[in-house]
N, C-alpha and C. Protein backbone atom coordinates (compact mmCIF):
# COMPACT_ATOMS: atom_id res chain seq x y z
N MET A 1 87.74 202.21 15.68
CA MET A 1 86.65 201.90 16.56
C MET A 1 85.98 203.17 17.08
N ALA A 2 86.78 204.20 17.29
CA ALA A 2 86.24 205.45 17.82
C ALA A 2 85.26 206.07 16.82
N ARG A 3 85.60 206.01 15.55
CA ARG A 3 84.71 206.60 14.54
C ARG A 3 83.40 205.82 14.45
N SER A 4 83.47 204.52 14.62
CA SER A 4 82.25 203.71 14.58
C SER A 4 81.34 204.05 15.76
N TYR A 5 81.91 204.13 16.95
CA TYR A 5 81.12 204.49 18.12
C TYR A 5 80.51 205.88 17.94
N ALA A 6 81.30 206.81 17.43
CA ALA A 6 80.81 208.18 17.25
C ALA A 6 79.64 208.21 16.28
N GLY A 7 79.77 207.52 15.18
CA GLY A 7 78.70 207.51 14.20
C GLY A 7 77.43 206.87 14.72
N ILE A 8 77.58 205.76 15.42
CA ILE A 8 76.41 205.05 15.93
C ILE A 8 75.71 205.86 17.02
N LEU A 9 76.47 206.36 17.99
CA LEU A 9 75.84 207.14 19.06
C LEU A 9 75.21 208.43 18.55
N GLY A 10 75.90 209.10 17.61
CA GLY A 10 75.35 210.33 17.04
C GLY A 10 74.06 210.07 16.30
N LEU A 11 74.02 209.01 15.51
CA LEU A 11 72.82 208.67 14.75
C LEU A 11 71.66 208.30 15.67
N ILE A 12 71.93 207.50 16.68
CA ILE A 12 70.87 207.11 17.63
C ILE A 12 70.32 208.34 18.34
N ALA A 13 71.20 209.22 18.80
CA ALA A 13 70.75 210.43 19.48
C ALA A 13 69.91 211.30 18.55
N MET A 14 70.34 211.43 17.31
CA MET A 14 69.61 212.24 16.35
C MET A 14 68.21 211.68 16.12
N ILE A 15 68.09 210.37 15.95
CA ILE A 15 66.79 209.75 15.72
C ILE A 15 65.88 209.90 16.93
N VAL A 16 66.43 209.66 18.12
CA VAL A 16 65.62 209.76 19.34
C VAL A 16 65.10 211.18 19.53
N VAL A 17 65.95 212.17 19.34
CA VAL A 17 65.53 213.56 19.52
C VAL A 17 64.53 213.96 18.44
N ALA A 18 64.72 213.49 17.21
CA ALA A 18 63.77 213.82 16.14
C ALA A 18 62.39 213.23 16.43
N VAL A 19 62.35 211.98 16.86
CA VAL A 19 61.07 211.33 17.17
C VAL A 19 60.41 212.02 18.36
N ARG A 20 61.20 212.34 19.37
CA ARG A 20 60.65 213.04 20.54
C ARG A 20 60.07 214.39 20.15
N SER A 21 60.77 215.10 19.27
CA SER A 21 60.29 216.40 18.82
C SER A 21 58.99 216.28 18.04
N LEU A 22 58.89 215.26 17.19
CA LEU A 22 57.66 215.03 16.44
C LEU A 22 56.50 214.70 17.37
N CYS A 23 56.75 213.86 18.36
CA CYS A 23 55.70 213.45 19.29
C CYS A 23 55.20 214.61 20.14
N ARG A 24 56.07 215.52 20.47
CA ARG A 24 55.69 216.66 21.31
C ARG A 24 55.20 217.84 20.49
N GLY A 25 55.28 217.76 19.18
CA GLY A 25 54.79 218.85 18.34
C GLY A 25 55.67 220.09 18.37
N ILE A 26 56.95 219.90 18.55
CA ILE A 26 57.89 221.02 18.58
C ILE A 26 58.07 221.56 17.17
N SER A 27 58.25 222.86 17.04
CA SER A 27 58.40 223.47 15.72
C SER A 27 59.63 222.92 15.01
N PRO A 28 59.60 222.89 13.69
CA PRO A 28 60.73 222.33 12.94
C PRO A 28 62.07 223.03 13.21
N ASP A 29 62.04 224.34 13.41
CA ASP A 29 63.29 225.06 13.69
C ASP A 29 63.90 224.62 15.01
N GLU A 30 63.07 224.52 16.04
CA GLU A 30 63.56 224.07 17.34
C GLU A 30 64.00 222.61 17.28
N ALA A 31 63.24 221.81 16.55
CA ALA A 31 63.57 220.38 16.43
C ALA A 31 64.91 220.21 15.73
N LEU A 32 65.14 220.97 14.66
CA LEU A 32 66.40 220.87 13.93
C LEU A 32 67.57 221.29 14.80
N LEU A 33 67.39 222.33 15.60
CA LEU A 33 68.44 222.76 16.51
C LEU A 33 68.73 221.68 17.55
N SER A 34 67.68 221.10 18.13
CA SER A 34 67.85 220.05 19.13
C SER A 34 68.54 218.81 18.53
N VAL A 35 68.11 218.44 17.32
CA VAL A 35 68.70 217.29 16.65
C VAL A 35 70.18 217.53 16.38
N THR A 36 70.51 218.72 15.91
CA THR A 36 71.91 219.04 15.61
C THR A 36 72.77 219.03 16.87
N LEU A 37 72.26 219.61 17.94
CA LEU A 37 73.02 219.62 19.20
C LEU A 37 73.21 218.20 19.75
N ALA A 38 72.16 217.38 19.68
CA ALA A 38 72.27 216.00 20.16
C ALA A 38 73.27 215.22 19.30
N LEU A 39 73.21 215.42 18.00
CA LEU A 39 74.15 214.74 17.10
C LEU A 39 75.59 215.11 17.45
N GLY A 40 75.85 216.39 17.61
CA GLY A 40 77.21 216.84 17.94
C GLY A 40 77.69 216.33 19.28
N ALA A 41 76.83 216.44 20.30
CA ALA A 41 77.23 216.03 21.64
C ALA A 41 77.50 214.53 21.71
N PHE A 42 76.60 213.74 21.16
CA PHE A 42 76.78 212.30 21.26
C PHE A 42 77.86 211.78 20.32
N THR A 43 78.15 212.51 19.27
CA THR A 43 79.28 212.15 18.42
C THR A 43 80.59 212.32 19.20
N MET A 44 80.71 213.41 19.92
CA MET A 44 81.90 213.64 20.74
C MET A 44 82.02 212.57 21.84
N ILE A 45 80.91 212.26 22.47
CA ILE A 45 80.92 211.21 23.49
C ILE A 45 81.33 209.88 22.87
N GLY A 46 80.82 209.59 21.69
CA GLY A 46 81.17 208.35 21.00
C GLY A 46 82.64 208.28 20.66
N LEU A 47 83.23 209.42 20.27
CA LEU A 47 84.66 209.45 19.98
C LEU A 47 85.48 209.10 21.21
N VAL A 48 85.11 209.67 22.34
CA VAL A 48 85.84 209.40 23.59
C VAL A 48 85.66 207.94 24.01
N VAL A 49 84.43 207.45 24.01
CA VAL A 49 84.16 206.07 24.41
C VAL A 49 84.86 205.09 23.46
N GLY A 50 84.81 205.38 22.17
CA GLY A 50 85.46 204.51 21.19
C GLY A 50 86.96 204.48 21.35
N LYS A 51 87.56 205.62 21.64
CA LYS A 51 89.01 205.67 21.85
C LYS A 51 89.40 204.87 23.10
N ILE A 52 88.60 204.99 24.16
CA ILE A 52 88.87 204.23 25.37
C ILE A 52 88.73 202.73 25.09
N ALA A 53 87.68 202.34 24.38
CA ALA A 53 87.47 200.93 24.05
C ALA A 53 88.60 200.41 23.18
N ASP A 54 89.05 201.19 22.23
CA ASP A 54 90.15 200.78 21.36
C ASP A 54 91.43 200.56 22.16
N THR A 55 91.71 201.46 23.09
CA THR A 55 92.90 201.33 23.93
C THR A 55 92.82 200.08 24.80
N VAL A 56 91.66 199.82 25.38
CA VAL A 56 91.49 198.64 26.23
C VAL A 56 91.70 197.36 25.43
N VAL A 57 91.13 197.29 24.23
CA VAL A 57 91.26 196.09 23.40
C VAL A 57 92.71 195.88 22.99
N VAL A 58 93.38 196.93 22.54
CA VAL A 58 94.77 196.81 22.10
C VAL A 58 95.66 196.39 23.27
N ASP A 59 95.46 197.00 24.43
CA ASP A 59 96.27 196.63 25.59
C ASP A 59 96.04 195.17 26.00
N SER A 60 94.79 194.73 25.94
CA SER A 60 94.48 193.35 26.28
C SER A 60 95.15 192.37 25.32
N VAL A 61 95.08 192.66 24.05
CA VAL A 61 95.69 191.78 23.06
C VAL A 61 97.21 191.74 23.25
N TRP A 62 97.82 192.88 23.43
CA TRP A 62 99.28 192.92 23.61
C TRP A 62 99.70 192.18 24.88
N THR A 63 98.91 192.28 25.94
CA THR A 63 99.23 191.56 27.17
C THR A 63 99.20 190.05 26.92
N LYS A 64 98.19 189.58 26.19
CA LYS A 64 98.10 188.15 25.89
C LYS A 64 99.25 187.70 24.99
N VAL A 65 99.60 188.52 24.01
CA VAL A 65 100.71 188.17 23.11
C VAL A 65 102.02 188.09 23.87
N ARG A 66 102.25 189.06 24.74
CA ARG A 66 103.49 189.04 25.54
C ARG A 66 103.53 187.82 26.45
N ALA A 67 102.39 187.46 27.04
CA ALA A 67 102.34 186.29 27.91
C ALA A 67 102.63 185.02 27.12
N GLU A 68 102.06 184.92 25.91
CA GLU A 68 102.31 183.75 25.07
C GLU A 68 103.77 183.68 24.66
N LEU A 69 104.34 184.80 24.29
CA LEU A 69 105.75 184.81 23.89
C LEU A 69 106.66 184.48 25.07
N GLY A 70 106.29 184.96 26.25
CA GLY A 70 107.07 184.63 27.45
C GLY A 70 107.01 183.15 27.76
N ALA A 71 105.84 182.55 27.57
CA ALA A 71 105.70 181.11 27.81
C ALA A 71 106.50 180.32 26.79
N LEU A 72 106.54 180.79 25.55
CA LEU A 72 107.33 180.11 24.54
C LEU A 72 108.83 180.19 24.82
N ASP A 73 109.26 181.36 25.32
CA ASP A 73 110.69 181.52 25.65
C ASP A 73 111.12 180.55 26.75
N LYS A 74 110.25 180.27 27.70
CA LYS A 74 110.57 179.37 28.80
C LYS A 74 110.63 177.92 28.31
N ASP A 75 109.84 177.59 27.31
CA ASP A 75 109.78 176.22 26.80
C ASP A 75 110.95 175.89 25.89
N LEU A 76 111.57 176.88 25.29
CA LEU A 76 112.66 176.64 24.35
C LEU A 76 113.95 176.28 25.10
N PRO A 77 114.70 175.29 24.64
CA PRO A 77 115.97 174.97 25.28
C PRO A 77 116.97 176.09 24.98
N GLU A 78 117.84 176.33 25.90
CA GLU A 78 118.83 177.39 25.70
C GLU A 78 119.86 176.93 24.68
N ALA A 79 120.40 177.87 23.97
CA ALA A 79 121.38 177.56 22.94
C ALA A 79 122.66 177.03 23.57
N GLN A 80 123.21 175.99 22.98
CA GLN A 80 124.46 175.41 23.48
C GLN A 80 125.60 176.05 22.74
N GLU A 81 126.65 176.35 23.46
CA GLU A 81 127.80 176.99 22.85
C GLU A 81 128.88 176.00 22.55
C-alpha cells in the first residue's frame, strides 16, 4: 500500500508542478528541477502515509479476527474429560 500511495502522490505532484510551470512560463531547466523536487518530496510523503495506512488496516483486521475468535471460543462447549 505504501508503494501505491507513493507512486500516486508523486505523479500528481509532478503533473501539478509541470502544469503550473507551463502556465507561468518558467524556463524548462527550472521547471524540470521543480518537477523533480516535487516528485521526490511527495513520493517520500506517500511512502510514510501509505505505511501508516497499511498499519492501521492490518491492526483493524487483526482486532476483528481476534474478537471473532474470542466469540467462537465462548460459544464452544468445554471438552469433557
